[in-house]
Protein backbone atom coordinates (compact mmCIF):
# COMPACT_ATOMS: atom_id res chain seq x y z
CA MET A 1 -15.27 63.75 -64.59
CA SER A 2 -16.62 62.31 -67.87
CA THR A 3 -19.81 60.45 -67.01
CA TYR A 4 -22.84 59.21 -68.89
CA LYS A 5 -26.02 57.23 -68.29
CA THR A 6 -26.66 53.63 -69.24
CA ILE A 7 -28.73 50.72 -67.90
CA SER A 8 -27.53 48.19 -65.37
CA LYS A 9 -29.53 45.20 -66.66
CA ASP A 10 -31.95 44.12 -69.37
CA ALA A 11 -35.48 45.52 -69.38
CA GLU A 12 -38.65 44.83 -71.36
CA GLY A 13 -41.67 46.81 -72.53
CA LEU A 14 -44.97 46.12 -74.31
CA TYR A 15 -47.45 48.02 -76.45
CA LYS A 16 -50.60 46.66 -78.15
CA GLU A 17 -52.63 48.28 -80.90
CA LYS A 18 -55.36 46.83 -83.16
CA GLY A 19 -54.21 43.27 -82.65
CA SER A 20 -50.52 44.00 -83.25
CA LYS A 21 -48.17 43.38 -80.37
CA PHE A 22 -44.92 45.32 -79.97
CA ILE A 23 -42.44 43.79 -77.50
CA ALA A 24 -39.41 45.90 -76.61
CA TYR A 25 -36.10 44.65 -75.25
CA ALA A 26 -33.40 46.95 -73.87
CA SER A 27 -29.91 45.67 -73.17
CA ARG A 28 -26.54 47.17 -72.35
CA VAL A 29 -24.11 46.75 -75.26
CA GLU A 30 -20.76 48.46 -75.77
CA ASN A 31 -19.90 47.72 -79.40
CA GLU A 32 -21.38 46.55 -82.69
CA GLU A 33 -20.35 42.95 -82.07
CA GLU A 34 -22.37 42.83 -78.84
CA ALA A 35 -25.27 44.55 -80.60
CA LYS A 36 -25.23 41.97 -83.39
CA SER A 37 -25.19 39.13 -80.86
CA PHE A 38 -28.14 40.62 -78.95
CA LEU A 39 -30.14 41.07 -82.17
CA GLU A 40 -29.46 37.49 -83.24
CA ARG A 41 -30.65 36.23 -79.84
CA ILE A 42 -33.91 38.19 -80.01
CA LYS A 43 -34.52 37.11 -83.61
CA LYS A 44 -34.04 33.49 -82.57
CA GLU A 45 -36.48 33.88 -79.67
CA HIS A 46 -39.03 35.59 -81.93
CA ASN A 47 -38.41 33.93 -85.30
CA SER A 48 -42.08 34.14 -86.26
CA ALA A 49 -42.33 37.90 -85.68
CA ARG A 50 -42.90 40.13 -88.71
CA HIS A 51 -40.29 42.76 -87.80
CA HIS A 52 -37.28 43.17 -85.47
CA CYS A 53 -36.62 46.92 -85.48
CA TYR A 54 -33.87 48.48 -83.39
CA ALA A 55 -31.62 51.35 -82.45
CA TYR A 56 -28.45 51.70 -80.40
CA ARG A 57 -26.02 54.35 -79.12
CA PHE A 58 -22.43 53.90 -77.94
CA GLY A 59 -20.02 55.93 -75.82
CA ALA A 60 -20.30 58.91 -73.53
CA SER A 61 -21.04 61.29 -76.41
CA GLY A 62 -23.52 58.90 -78.06
CA ASP A 63 -22.16 59.99 -81.44
CA LEU A 64 -21.99 56.40 -82.69
CA TYR A 65 -25.55 55.26 -83.26
CA ARG A 66 -27.75 53.36 -85.68
CA ALA A 67 -31.47 52.91 -86.32
CA ASN A 68 -33.06 50.20 -88.46
CA ASP A 69 -36.69 49.90 -89.66
CA ASP A 70 -36.36 46.22 -90.69
CA GLY A 71 -38.92 46.46 -93.48
CA GLU A 72 -41.32 48.93 -91.88
CA PRO A 73 -41.96 52.18 -93.80
CA GLY A 74 -39.00 54.55 -93.60
CA ASN A 75 -38.43 56.30 -90.27
CA THR A 76 -41.51 54.75 -88.62
CA ALA A 77 -39.64 52.32 -86.36
CA GLY A 78 -35.89 52.75 -85.91
CA LYS A 79 -36.03 56.53 -85.59
CA PRO A 80 -38.75 56.57 -82.87
CA ILE A 81 -36.82 53.88 -80.97
CA LEU A 82 -33.62 55.96 -81.21
CA GLY A 83 -35.63 58.95 -80.08
CA GLN A 84 -36.32 57.23 -76.77
CA LEU A 85 -32.62 56.51 -76.22
CA LEU A 86 -32.05 60.23 -76.73
CA SER A 87 -35.00 61.19 -74.54
CA TYR A 88 -33.75 59.05 -71.65
CA GLU A 89 -30.18 60.23 -72.35
CA VAL A 90 -28.74 56.70 -72.23
CA SER A 91 -25.83 55.26 -74.17
CA ASP A 92 -24.19 51.84 -74.53
CA VAL A 93 -27.77 50.62 -74.90
CA MET A 94 -29.59 48.73 -77.66
CA LEU A 95 -33.37 48.71 -77.97
CA ILE A 96 -35.09 46.10 -80.12
CA VAL A 97 -38.84 46.17 -80.72
CA VAL A 98 -40.36 42.98 -82.08
CA ARG A 99 -43.69 43.28 -83.90
CA TYR A 100 -46.30 40.59 -84.27
CA PHE A 101 -48.75 41.76 -86.93
CA GLY A 102 -52.40 41.70 -85.91
CA GLY A 103 -53.95 41.94 -89.34
CA THR A 104 -54.74 45.66 -89.36
CA LYS A 105 -52.39 48.24 -90.83
CA LEU A 106 -51.62 51.11 -88.44
CA GLY A 107 -50.41 53.72 -90.91
CA ALA A 108 -47.20 55.72 -90.52
CA SER A 109 -48.33 57.76 -87.51
CA GLY A 110 -49.70 54.65 -85.81
CA LEU A 111 -46.42 52.80 -86.31
CA ILE A 112 -44.39 55.72 -84.97
CA THR A 113 -46.57 55.85 -81.85
CA ALA A 114 -46.38 52.08 -81.36
CA TYR A 115 -42.60 51.76 -81.66
CA LYS A 116 -42.02 54.86 -79.56
CA SER A 117 -44.40 53.64 -76.84
CA ALA A 118 -42.93 50.13 -76.66
CA ALA A 119 -39.40 51.51 -76.47
CA ALA A 120 -40.39 54.03 -73.81
CA ASP A 121 -42.08 51.31 -71.76
CA ALA A 122 -38.90 49.23 -71.75
CA LEU A 123 -36.74 52.16 -70.64
CA SER A 124 -39.27 53.16 -67.99
CA HIS A 125 -38.68 49.74 -66.41
CA ALA A 126 -34.88 49.93 -66.75
CA ASP A 127 -32.48 50.65 -63.92
CA ILE A 128 -30.66 53.72 -65.26
CA ILE A 129 -27.25 54.36 -63.74
CA GLU A 130 -24.48 56.91 -64.21
CA ILE A 131 -21.01 55.59 -64.96
CA THR A 132 -17.59 57.10 -65.54
CA GLU A 133 -16.22 56.90 -69.06
CA GLN A 134 -13.23 54.57 -69.16
CA THR A 135 -10.14 54.16 -71.30
CA LYS A 136 -8.16 50.93 -71.63
CA PHE A 137 -4.46 50.15 -71.63
CA ILE A 138 -2.69 46.95 -72.64
CA VAL A 139 0.63 46.14 -71.00
CA GLU A 140 2.94 43.29 -72.07
CA PHE A 141 5.68 42.14 -69.74
CA ASN A 142 7.83 39.27 -68.53
CA TYR A 143 6.39 37.32 -65.60
CA ALA A 144 9.27 38.45 -63.37
CA LEU A 145 7.80 41.97 -63.45
CA THR A 146 4.29 40.91 -62.36
CA GLY A 147 4.72 42.39 -58.89
CA ASP A 148 5.90 45.74 -60.24
CA VAL A 149 3.01 45.94 -62.71
CA MET A 150 0.44 45.05 -60.05
CA ARG A 151 1.82 47.72 -57.71
CA PHE A 152 1.55 50.24 -60.54
CA LEU A 153 -2.06 49.23 -61.22
CA SER A 154 -2.85 49.65 -57.54
CA SER A 155 -1.31 53.13 -57.51
CA VAL A 156 -3.49 54.31 -60.41
CA GLU A 157 -6.54 52.30 -59.30
CA GLY A 158 -6.60 50.40 -62.57
CA GLN A 159 -9.22 47.68 -63.01
CA ILE A 160 -8.12 44.48 -64.78
CA VAL A 161 -10.57 43.63 -67.58
CA ASP A 162 -8.66 40.94 -69.47
CA GLU A 163 -5.43 38.95 -69.28
CA GLU A 164 -3.58 36.48 -71.48
CA HIS A 165 -0.85 34.09 -70.37
CA GLY A 166 1.55 33.23 -73.17
CA GLU A 167 5.29 33.56 -73.57
CA LYS A 168 4.72 36.93 -71.96
CA TYR A 169 1.97 38.21 -69.68
CA GLU A 170 -0.49 40.52 -71.50
CA LEU A 171 -2.88 42.44 -69.30
CA THR A 172 -5.65 44.89 -70.15
CA PHE A 173 -6.76 47.38 -67.54
CA SER A 174 -9.11 50.34 -67.45
CA VAL A 175 -9.02 53.72 -65.71
CA PRO A 176 -11.32 56.76 -65.89
CA LEU A 177 -10.77 58.63 -69.15
CA ASP A 178 -9.89 61.77 -67.21
CA ASP A 179 -6.91 59.89 -65.67
CA LYS A 180 -5.39 58.85 -69.02
CA ASN A 181 -2.63 61.48 -69.06
CA LYS A 182 -1.80 60.86 -65.40
CA VAL A 183 -1.37 57.13 -66.02
CA GLU A 184 0.91 57.72 -69.00
CA LYS A 185 2.99 60.26 -67.08
CA LEU A 186 3.44 57.93 -64.08
CA TRP A 187 4.30 55.03 -66.37
CA ASN A 188 6.95 57.04 -68.22
CA SER A 189 8.48 58.17 -64.91
CA ASN A 190 8.83 54.54 -63.76
CA HIS A 191 12.18 53.63 -65.32
CA ASN A 192 11.92 49.89 -64.64
CA LEU A 193 8.48 49.50 -66.23
CA ASN A 194 9.02 52.01 -69.02
CA THR A 195 12.23 50.28 -70.07
CA ASN A 196 11.15 46.65 -69.79
CA CYS A 197 7.43 46.68 -70.62
CA LYS A 198 5.24 47.86 -73.47
CA LEU A 199 2.18 50.01 -72.68
CA LEU A 200 -0.47 50.67 -75.33
CA ASN A 201 -3.60 52.80 -75.02
CA THR A 202 -6.52 51.18 -76.89
């Protein structure tokens, strides 16, 4: 079973050094749009802060990631923050560390320690959980087939994540990634659904 670790809810951390205050915020995000929204919210809440540095990782493999120093010297902020996501082995998580400058420069090593420590403090307070990697399907059908589609979803233990009611019924459901081939095989063997509905893996 394809599983990975993430956090169940937002968490915060704090680190202080020579008058500077580093406030860390960890939140579960699943795509760049959610990450952008979270960053905008934190920037709005801390609009007088000197820096809003961050890192995030997405997906079970964590191969999609980004780190940003937001004006701090290169690799002194975003990279140490990302390092904590890797250390705690979490994905679908964004960590933002807000810095309020205290008047004394910390130097590169001091900044690395500060951003790393704030990020680590946030994750140490997070509720880390293990979840199963999911894949999503979209199915479009006439309303007369609603019962058949719902019975199919029940048989594959699909979870409805979105639905749209227009001229036709469009429904998005998720299943464990490991069940993807099984779902497609069962769908193709159901002549009524396979003939009259459109199934798309997203």
